Amino acid sequence: MQYVHIPISTIILKCYKIPFPALNVHRRKEAIATDTVYTNTLAVNNASTCSEIFIGIKSLVADVFGMKTDKQFVNTLEEII
């Protein structure tokens, strides 16, 4: 087997700016189950009183977000989406 050396100066590299970089984000293509868990004690790091758990139905990948109030559910849902 013979190798051919091509100098880098002969190769033209082009960089393109993507018009919609948000479309390049990898996402799960599955249904997600969610549940809210409450506690009586505050979390040490940010004083969270509840957490939202998202679990993928097929892959069983779990994401947990700490929340101080129930109103932060929308923010956690946006993080998952």
PDB file of N, CA and C in Angstrom:
ATOM      1  N   MET A   1       0.844  -1.160   0.000  1.00  0.00           N
ATOM      2  CA  MET A   1       0.000   0.000   0.000  1.00  0.00           C
ATOM      3  C   MET A   1       0.895   1.229   0.000  1.00  0.00           C
ATOM      4  N   GLN A   2       0.574   2.147  -0.873  1.00  0.00           N
ATOM      5  CA  GLN A   2       1.393   3.332  -1.013  1.00  0.00           C
ATOM      6  C   GLN A   2       0.599   4.549  -0.533  1.00  0.00           C
ATOM      7  N   TYR A   3       1.225   5.382   0.274  1.00  0.00           N
ATOM      8  CA  TYR A   3       0.582   6.581   0.803  1.00  0.00           C
ATOM      9  C   TYR A   3       0.963   7.787  -0.039  1.00  0.00           C
ATOM     10  N   VAL A   4       0.004   8.656  -0.241  1.00  0.00           N
ATOM     11  CA  VAL A   4       0.240   9.878  -1.002  1.00  0.00           C
ATOM     12  C   VAL A   4       0.167  11.044  -0.032  1.00  0.00           C
ATOM     13  N   HIS A   5       1.199  11.865  -0.035  1.00  0.00           N
ATOM     14  CA  HIS A   5       1.248  13.023   0.853  1.00  0.00           C
ATOM     15  C   HIS A   5       0.715  14.236   0.110  1.00  0.00           C
ATOM     16  N   ILE A   6      -0.347  14.822   0.647  1.00  0.00           N
ATOM     17  CA  ILE A   6      -0.925  16.028   0.062  1.00  0.00           C
ATOM     18  C   ILE A   6      -0.633  17.184   1.014  1.00  0.00           C
ATOM     19  N   PRO A   7       0.051  18.207   0.546  1.00  0.00           N
ATOM     20  CA  PRO A   7       0.334  19.339   1.418  1.00  0.00           C
ATOM     21  C   PRO A   7      -0.954  20.054   1.821  1.00  0.00           C
ATOM     22  N   ILE A   8      -0.980  20.549   3.041  1.00  0.00           N
ATOM     23  CA  ILE A   8      -2.180  21.205   3.569  1.00  0.00           C
ATOM     24  C   ILE A   8      -2.495  22.491   2.826  1.00  0.00           C
ATOM     25  N   SER A   9      -1.498  23.094   2.197  1.00  0.00           N
ATOM     26  CA  SER A   9      -1.727  24.353   1.488  1.00  0.00           C
ATOM     27  C   SER A   9      -2.592  24.161   0.246  1.00  0.00           C
ATOM     28  N   THR A  10      -2.676  22.947  -0.281  1.00  0.00           N
ATOM     29  CA  THR A  10      -3.486  22.727  -1.474  1.00  0.00           C
ATOM     30  C   THR A  10      -4.953  22.459  -1.132  1.00  0.00           C
ATOM     31  N   ILE A  11      -5.248  22.201   0.135  1.00  0.00           N
ATOM     32  CA  ILE A  11      -6.622  21.943   0.546  1.00  0.00           C
ATOM     33  C   ILE A  11      -7.245  23.252   1.013  1.00  0.00           C
ATOM     34  N   ILE A  12      -8.391  23.579   0.475  1.00  0.00           N
ATOM     35  CA  ILE A  12      -9.081  24.808   0.861  1.00  0.00           C
ATOM     36  C   ILE A  12     -10.135  24.454   1.904  1.00  0.00           C
ATOM     37  N   LEU A  13     -10.012  25.063   3.064  1.00  0.00           N
ATOM     38  CA  LEU A  13     -10.964  24.822   4.149  1.00  0.00           C
ATOM     39  C   LEU A  13     -11.946  25.975   4.215  1.00  0.00           C
ATOM     40  N   LYS A  14     -13.213  25.664   4.270  1.00  0.00           N
ATOM     41  CA  LYS A  14     -14.237  26.696   4.380  1.00  0.00           C
ATOM     42  C   LYS A  14     -14.998  26.494   5.674  1.00  0.00           C
ATOM     43  N   CYS A  15     -15.299  27.577   6.331  1.00  0.00           N
ATOM     44  CA  CYS A  15     -16.104  27.549   7.546  1.00  0.00           C
ATOM     45  C   CYS A  15     -17.411  28.262   7.254  1.00  0.00           C
ATOM     46  N   TYR A  16     -18.484  27.607   7.590  1.00  0.00           N
ATOM     47  CA  TYR A  16     -19.792  28.186   7.372  1.00  0.00           C
ATOM     48  C   TYR A  16     -20.439  28.497   8.712  1.00  0.00           C
ATOM     49  N   LYS A  17     -21.091  29.650   8.793  1.00  0.00           N
ATOM     50  CA  LYS A  17     -21.827  29.992   9.997  1.00  0.00           C
ATOM     51  C   LYS A  17     -23.245  29.430   9.853  1.00  0.00           C
ATOM     52  N   ILE A  18     -23.663  28.673  10.836  1.00  0.00           N
ATOM     53  CA  ILE A  18     -24.973  28.049  10.797  1.00  0.00           C
ATOM     54  C   ILE A  18     -26.021  29.084  11.165  1.00  0.00           C
ATOM     55  N   PRO A  19     -27.075  29.241  10.359  1.00  0.00           N
ATOM     56  CA  PRO A  19     -28.057  30.279  10.657  1.00  0.00           C
ATOM     57  C   PRO A  19     -28.897  30.000  11.907  1.00  0.00           C
ATOM     58  N   PHE A  20     -29.116  28.741  12.237  1.00  0.00           N
ATOM     59  CA  PHE A  20     -29.916  28.387  13.409  1.00  0.00           C
ATOM     60  C   PHE A  20     -29.148  27.386  14.273  1.00  0.00           C
ATOM     61  N   PRO A  21     -28.243  27.850  15.155  1.00  0.00           N
ATOM     62  CA  PRO A  21     -27.439  26.913  15.944  1.00  0.00           C
ATOM     63  C   PRO A  21     -28.252  26.097  16.933  1.00  0.00           C
ATOM     64  N   ALA A  22     -29.444  26.531  17.288  1.00  0.00           N
ATOM     65  CA  ALA A  22     -30.280  25.771  18.219  1.00  0.00           C
ATOM     66  C   ALA A  22     -30.762  24.461  17.599  1.00  0.00           C
ATOM     67  N   LEU A  23     -30.738  24.364  16.290  1.00  0.00           N
ATOM     68  CA  LEU A  23     -31.186  23.143  15.620  1.00  0.00           C
ATOM     69  C   LEU A  23     -30.134  22.037  15.680  1.00  0.00           C
ATOM     70  N   ASN A  24     -28.914  22.359  16.100  1.00  0.00           N
ATOM     71  CA  ASN A  24     -27.841  21.356  16.155  1.00  0.00           C
ATOM     72  C   ASN A  24     -27.780  20.627  17.493  1.00  0.00           C
ATOM     73  N   VAL A  25     -28.689  20.898  18.386  1.00  0.00           N
ATOM     74  CA  VAL A  25     -28.676  20.291  19.710  1.00  0.00           C
ATOM     75  C   VAL A  25     -29.229  18.871  19.616  1.00  0.00           C
ATOM     76  N   HIS A  26     -28.507  17.913  20.200  1.00  0.00           N
ATOM     77  CA  HIS A  26     -28.999  16.538  20.231  1.00  0.00           C
ATOM     78  C   HIS A  26     -30.118  16.433  21.257  1.00  0.00           C
ATOM     79  N   ARG A  27     -31.122  15.661  20.952  1.00  0.00           N
ATOM     80  CA  ARG A  27     -32.235  15.516  21.867  1.00  0.00           C
ATOM     81  C   ARG A  27     -32.693  14.070  21.913  1.00  0.00           C
ATOM     82  N   ARG A  28     -33.408  13.769  22.991  1.00  0.00           N
ATOM     83  CA  ARG A  28     -33.971  12.426  23.125  1.00  0.00           C
ATOM     84  C   ARG A  28     -35.221  12.330  22.275  1.00  0.00           C
ATOM     85  N   LYS A  29     -35.342  11.258  21.544  1.00  0.00           N
ATOM     86  CA  LYS A  29     -36.529  11.050  20.719  1.00  0.00           C
ATOM     87  C   LYS A  29     -37.377   9.974  21.375  1.00  0.00           C
ATOM     88  N   GLU A  30     -37.886  10.305  22.559  1.00  0.00           N
ATOM     89  CA  GLU A  30     -38.693   9.359  23.321  1.00  0.00           C
ATOM     90  C   GLU A  30     -39.618  10.131  24.251  1.00  0.00           C
ATOM     91  N   ALA A  31     -40.601   9.441  24.764  1.00  0.00           N
ATOM     92  CA  ALA A  31     -41.504  10.042  25.736  1.00  0.00           C
ATOM     93  C   ALA A  31     -40.788  10.148  27.089  1.00  0.00           C
ATOM     94  N   ILE A  32     -41.157  11.159  27.865  1.00  0.00           N
ATOM     95  CA  ILE A  32     -40.525  11.400  29.163  1.00  0.00           C
ATOM     96  C   ILE A  32     -41.599  11.437  30.241  1.00  0.00           C
ATOM     97  N   ALA A  33     -41.369  10.704  31.331  1.00  0.00           N
ATOM     98  CA  ALA A  33     -42.264  10.735  32.491  1.00  0.00           C
ATOM     99  C   ALA A  33     -41.686  11.720  33.510  1.00  0.00           C
ATOM    100  N   THR A  34     -42.549  12.395  34.254  1.00  0.00           N
ATOM    101  CA  THR A  34     -42.092  13.388  35.218  1.00  0.00           C
ATOM    102  C   THR A  34     -42.856  13.247  36.528  1.00  0.00           C
ATOM    103  N   ASP A  35     -42.208  13.655  37.605  1.00  0.00           N
ATOM    104  CA  ASP A  35     -42.837  13.626  38.920  1.00  0.00           C
ATOM    105  C   ASP A  35     -42.162  14.677  39.793  1.00  0.00           C
ATOM    106  N   THR A  36     -42.934  15.239  40.717  1.00  0.00           N
ATOM    107  CA  THR A  36     -42.421  16.223  41.655  1.00  0.00           C
ATOM    108  C   THR A  36     -42.302  15.577  43.027  1.00  0.00           C
ATOM    109  N   VAL A  37     -41.152  15.755  43.670  1.00  0.00           N
ATOM    110  CA  VAL A  37     -40.889  15.184  44.984  1.00  0.00           C
ATOM    111  C   VAL A  37     -40.695  16.339  45.960  1.00  0.00           C
ATOM    112  N   TYR A  38     -41.416  16.303  47.098  1.00  0.00           N
ATOM    113  CA  TYR A  38     -41.343  17.357  48.111  1.00  0.00           C
ATOM    114  C   TYR A  38     -40.598  16.841  49.341  1.00  0.00           C
ATOM    115  N   THR A  39     -40.019  17.774  50.107  1.00  0.00           N
ATOM    116  CA  THR A  39     -39.319  17.421  51.329  1.00  0.00           C
ATOM    117  C   THR A  39     -39.593  18.479  52.408  1.00  0.00           C
ATOM    118  N   ASN A  40     -39.442  18.093  53.657  1.00  0.00           N
ATOM    119  CA  ASN A  40     -39.641  19.032  54.766  1.00  0.00           C
ATOM    120  C   ASN A  40     -38.368  19.808  55.095  1.00  0.00           C
ATOM    121  N   THR A  41     -37.223  19.260  54.750  1.00  0.00           N
ATOM    122  CA  THR A  41     -35.957  19.916  55.055  1.00  0.00           C
ATOM    123  C   THR A  41     -35.407  20.608  53.814  1.00  0.00           C
ATOM    124  N   LEU A  42     -34.672  21.670  54.016  1.00  0.00           N
ATOM    125  CA  LEU A  42     -34.104  22.428  52.906  1.00  0.00           C
ATOM    126  C   LEU A  42     -32.806  21.779  52.437  1.00  0.00           C
ATOM    127  N   ALA A  43     -32.517  21.922  51.162  1.00  0.00           N
ATOM    128  CA  ALA A  43     -31.249  21.434  50.626  1.00  0.00           C
ATOM    129  C   ALA A  43     -30.119  22.327  51.127  1.00  0.00           C
ATOM    130  N   VAL A  44     -28.943  21.768  51.259  1.00  0.00           N
ATOM    131  CA  VAL A  44     -27.814  22.502  51.834  1.00  0.00           C
ATOM    132  C   VAL A  44     -27.300  23.582  50.882  1.00  0.00           C
ATOM    133  N   ASN A  45     -27.221  23.272  49.588  1.00  0.00           N
ATOM    134  CA  ASN A  45     -26.550  24.198  48.671  1.00  0.00           C
ATOM    135  C   ASN A  45     -27.426  25.349  48.176  1.00  0.00           C
ATOM    136  N   ASN A  46     -28.733  25.140  47.964  1.00  0.00           N
ATOM    137  CA  ASN A  46     -29.542  26.237  47.420  1.00  0.00           C
ATOM    138  C   ASN A  46     -30.924  26.351  48.059  1.00  0.00           C
ATOM    139  N   ALA A  47     -31.164  25.722  49.174  1.00  0.00           N
ATOM    140  CA  ALA A  47     -32.427  25.808  49.921  1.00  0.00           C
ATOM    141  C   ALA A  47     -33.634  25.352  49.105  1.00  0.00           C
ATOM    142  N   SER A  48     -33.473  24.308  48.301  1.00  0.00           N
ATOM    143  CA  SER A  48     -34.586  23.759  47.530  1.00  0.00           C
ATOM    144  C   SER A  48     -35.515  22.981  48.450  1.00  0.00           C
ATOM    145  N   THR A  49     -36.810  23.106  48.225  1.00  0.00           N
ATOM    146  CA  THR A  49     -37.795  22.371  49.008  1.00  0.00           C
ATOM    147  C   THR A  49     -38.445  21.246  48.219  1.00  0.00           C
ATOM    148  N   CYS A  50     -38.251  21.228  46.891  1.00  0.00           N
ATOM    149  CA  CYS A  50     -38.810  20.154  46.072  1.00  0.00           C
ATOM    150  C   CYS A  50     -37.899  19.939  44.872  1.00  0.00           C
ATOM    151  N   SER A  51     -38.111  18.854  44.181  1.00  0.00           N
ATOM    152  CA  SER A  51     -37.324  18.572  42.981  1.00  0.00           C
ATOM    153  C   SER A  51     -38.224  17.947  41.924  1.00  0.00           C
ATOM    154  N   GLU A  52     -37.844  18.149  40.687  1.00  0.00           N
ATOM    155  CA  GLU A  52     -38.576  17.599  39.552  1.00  0.00           C
ATOM    156  C   GLU A  52     -37.709  16.518  38.924  1.00  0.00           C
ATOM    157  N   ILE A  53     -38.296  15.344  38.715  1.00  0.00           N
ATOM    158  CA  ILE A  53     -37.574  14.212  38.151  1.00  0.00           C
ATOM    159  C   ILE A  53     -38.151  13.916  36.768  1.00  0.00           C
ATOM    160  N   PHE A  54     -37.275  13.851  35.766  1.00  0.00           N
ATOM    161  CA  PHE A  54     -37.650  13.487  34.410  1.00  0.00           C
ATOM    162  C   PHE A  54     -36.944  12.184  34.075  1.00  0.00           C
ATOM    163  N   ILE A  55     -37.700  11.181  33.594  1.00  0.00           N
ATOM    164  CA  ILE A  55     -37.132   9.879  33.246  1.00  0.00           C
ATOM    165  C   ILE A  55     -37.591   9.493  31.848  1.00  0.00           C
ATOM    166  N   GLY A  56     -36.628   9.116  30.996  1.00  0.00           N
ATOM    167  CA  GLY A  56     -36.956   8.644  29.658  1.00  0.00           C
ATOM    168  C   GLY A  56     -37.607   7.272  29.730  1.00  0.00           C
ATOM    169  N   ILE A  57     -38.681   7.079  28.984  1.00  0.00           N
ATOM    170  CA  ILE A  57     -39.445   5.836  29.036  1.00  0.00           C
ATOM    171  C   ILE A  57     -38.622   4.650  28.514  1.00  0.00           C
ATOM    172  N   LYS A  58     -37.933   4.818  27.398  1.00  0.00           N
ATOM    173  CA  LYS A  58     -37.175   3.697  26.814  1.00  0.00           C
ATOM    174  C   LYS A  58     -35.761   3.604  27.359  1.00  0.00           C
ATOM    175  N   SER A  59     -35.062   4.731  27.431  1.00  0.00           N
ATOM    176  CA  SER A  59     -33.655   4.693  27.811  1.00  0.00           C
ATOM    177  C   SER A  59     -33.434   4.715  29.320  1.00  0.00           C
ATOM    178  N   LEU A  60     -34.440   5.088  30.095  1.00  0.00           N
ATOM    179  CA  LEU A  60     -34.364   5.200  31.546  1.00  0.00           C
ATOM    180  C   LEU A  60     -33.308   6.213  32.008  1.00  0.00           C
ATOM    181  N   VAL A  61     -33.006   7.192  31.162  1.00  0.00           N
ATOM    182  CA  VAL A  61     -32.103   8.282  31.541  1.00  0.00           C
ATOM    183  C   VAL A  61     -32.872   9.230  32.444  1.00  0.00           C
ATOM    184  N   ALA A  62     -32.300   9.555  33.604  1.00  0.00           N
ATOM    185  CA  ALA A  62     -32.987  10.387  34.589  1.00  0.00           C
ATOM    186  C   ALA A  62     -32.280  11.730  34.734  1.00  0.00           C
ATOM    187  N   ASP A  63     -33.082  12.798  34.812  1.00  0.00           N
ATOM    188  CA  ASP A  63     -32.596  14.148  35.096  1.00  0.00           C
ATOM    189  C   ASP A  63     -33.372  14.667  36.294  1.00  0.00           C
ATOM    190  N   VAL A  64     -32.670  15.248  37.263  1.00  0.00           N
ATOM    191  CA  VAL A  64     -33.302  15.765  38.474  1.00  0.00           C
ATOM    192  C   VAL A  64     -32.918  17.226  38.623  1.00  0.00           C
ATOM    193  N   PHE A  65     -33.924  18.085  38.840  1.00  0.00           N
ATOM    194  CA  PHE A  65     -33.710  19.514  39.015  1.00  0.00           C
ATOM    195  C   PHE A  65     -34.280  19.937  40.358  1.00  0.00           C
ATOM    196  N   GLY A  66     -33.484  20.621  41.160  1.00  0.00           N
ATOM    197  CA  GLY A  66     -33.966  21.162  42.422  1.00  0.00           C
ATOM    198  C   GLY A  66     -34.762  22.433  42.194  1.00  0.00           C
ATOM    199  N   MET A  67     -35.862  22.602  42.951  1.00  0.00           N
ATOM    200  CA  MET A  67     -36.713  23.785  42.803  1.00  0.00           C
ATOM    201  C   MET A  67     -37.048  24.336  44.184  1.00  0.00           C
ATOM    202  N   LYS A  68     -37.181  25.651  44.273  1.00  0.00           N
ATOM    203  CA  LYS A  68     -37.582  26.271  45.531  1.00  0.00           C
ATOM    204  C   LYS A  68     -39.103  26.361  45.629  1.00  0.00           C
ATOM    205  N   THR A  69     -39.785  26.514  44.491  1.00  0.00           N
ATOM    206  CA  THR A  69     -41.249  26.574  44.456  1.00  0.00           C
ATOM    207  C   THR A  69     -41.756  25.744  43.279  1.00  0.00           C
ATOM    208  N   ASP A  70     -43.064  25.487  43.275  1.00  0.00           N
ATOM    209  CA  ASP A  70     -43.677  24.744  42.168  1.00  0.00           C
ATOM    210  C   ASP A  70     -43.664  25.539  40.867  1.00  0.00           C
ATOM    211  N   LYS A  71     -43.572  26.847  40.963  1.00  0.00           N
ATOM    212  CA  LYS A  71     -43.616  27.697  39.773  1.00  0.00           C
ATOM    213  C   LYS A  71     -42.383  27.518  38.887  1.00  0.00           C
ATOM    214  N   GLN A  72     -41.330  26.934  39.404  1.00  0.00           N
ATOM    215  CA  GLN A  72     -40.121  26.726  38.625  1.00  0.00           C
ATOM    216  C   GLN A  72     -40.206  25.494  37.729  1.00  0.00           C
ATOM    217  N   PHE A  73     -41.345  24.793  37.737  1.00  0.00           N
ATOM    218  CA  PHE A  73     -41.519  23.624  36.878  1.00  0.00           C
ATOM    219  C   PHE A  73     -41.356  23.997  35.409  1.00  0.00           C
ATOM    220  N   VAL A  74     -41.866  25.159  35.026  1.00  0.00           N
ATOM    221  CA  VAL A  74     -41.766  25.592  33.627  1.00  0.00           C
ATOM    222  C   VAL A  74     -40.306  25.763  33.234  1.00  0.00           C
ATOM    223  N   ASN A  75     -39.484  26.292  34.126  1.00  0.00           N
ATOM    224  CA  ASN A  75     -38.069  26.464  33.814  1.00  0.00           C
ATOM    225  C   ASN A  75     -37.359  25.135  33.642  1.00  0.00           C
ATOM    226  N   THR A  76     -37.694  24.162  34.488  1.00  0.00           N
ATOM    227  CA  THR A  76     -37.067  22.845  34.363  1.00  0.00           C
ATOM    228  C   THR A  76     -37.524  22.140  33.095  1.00  0.00           C
ATOM    229  N   LEU A  77     -38.773  22.333  32.723  1.00  0.00           N
ATOM    230  CA  LEU A  77     -39.279  21.737  31.490  1.00  0.00           C
ATOM    231  C   LEU A  77     -38.572  22.328  30.272  1.00  0.00           C
ATOM    232  N   GLU A  78     -38.293  23.623  30.298  1.00  0.00           N
ATOM    233  CA  GLU A  78     -37.557  24.240  29.206  1.00  0.00           C
ATOM    234  C   GLU A  78     -36.137  23.689  29.120  1.00  0.00           C
ATOM    235  N   GLU A  79     -35.527  23.377  30.251  1.00  0.00           N
ATOM    236  CA  GLU A  79     -34.194  22.784  30.254  1.00  0.00           C
ATOM    237  C   GLU A  79     -34.201  21.416  29.578  1.00  0.00           C
ATOM    238  N   ILE A  80     -35.235  20.635  29.824  1.00  0.00           N
ATOM    239  CA  ILE A  80     -35.335  19.305  29.221  1.00  0.00           C
ATOM    240  C   ILE A  80     -35.582  19.399  27.714  1.00  0.00           C
ATOM    241  N   ILE A  81     -36.452  20.318  27.339  1.00  0.00           N
ATOM    242  CA  ILE A  81     -36.783  20.462  25.908  1.00  0.00           C
ATOM    243  C   ILE A  81     -35.583  20.969  25.168  1.00  0.00           C
TER     244      ILE A  81
END
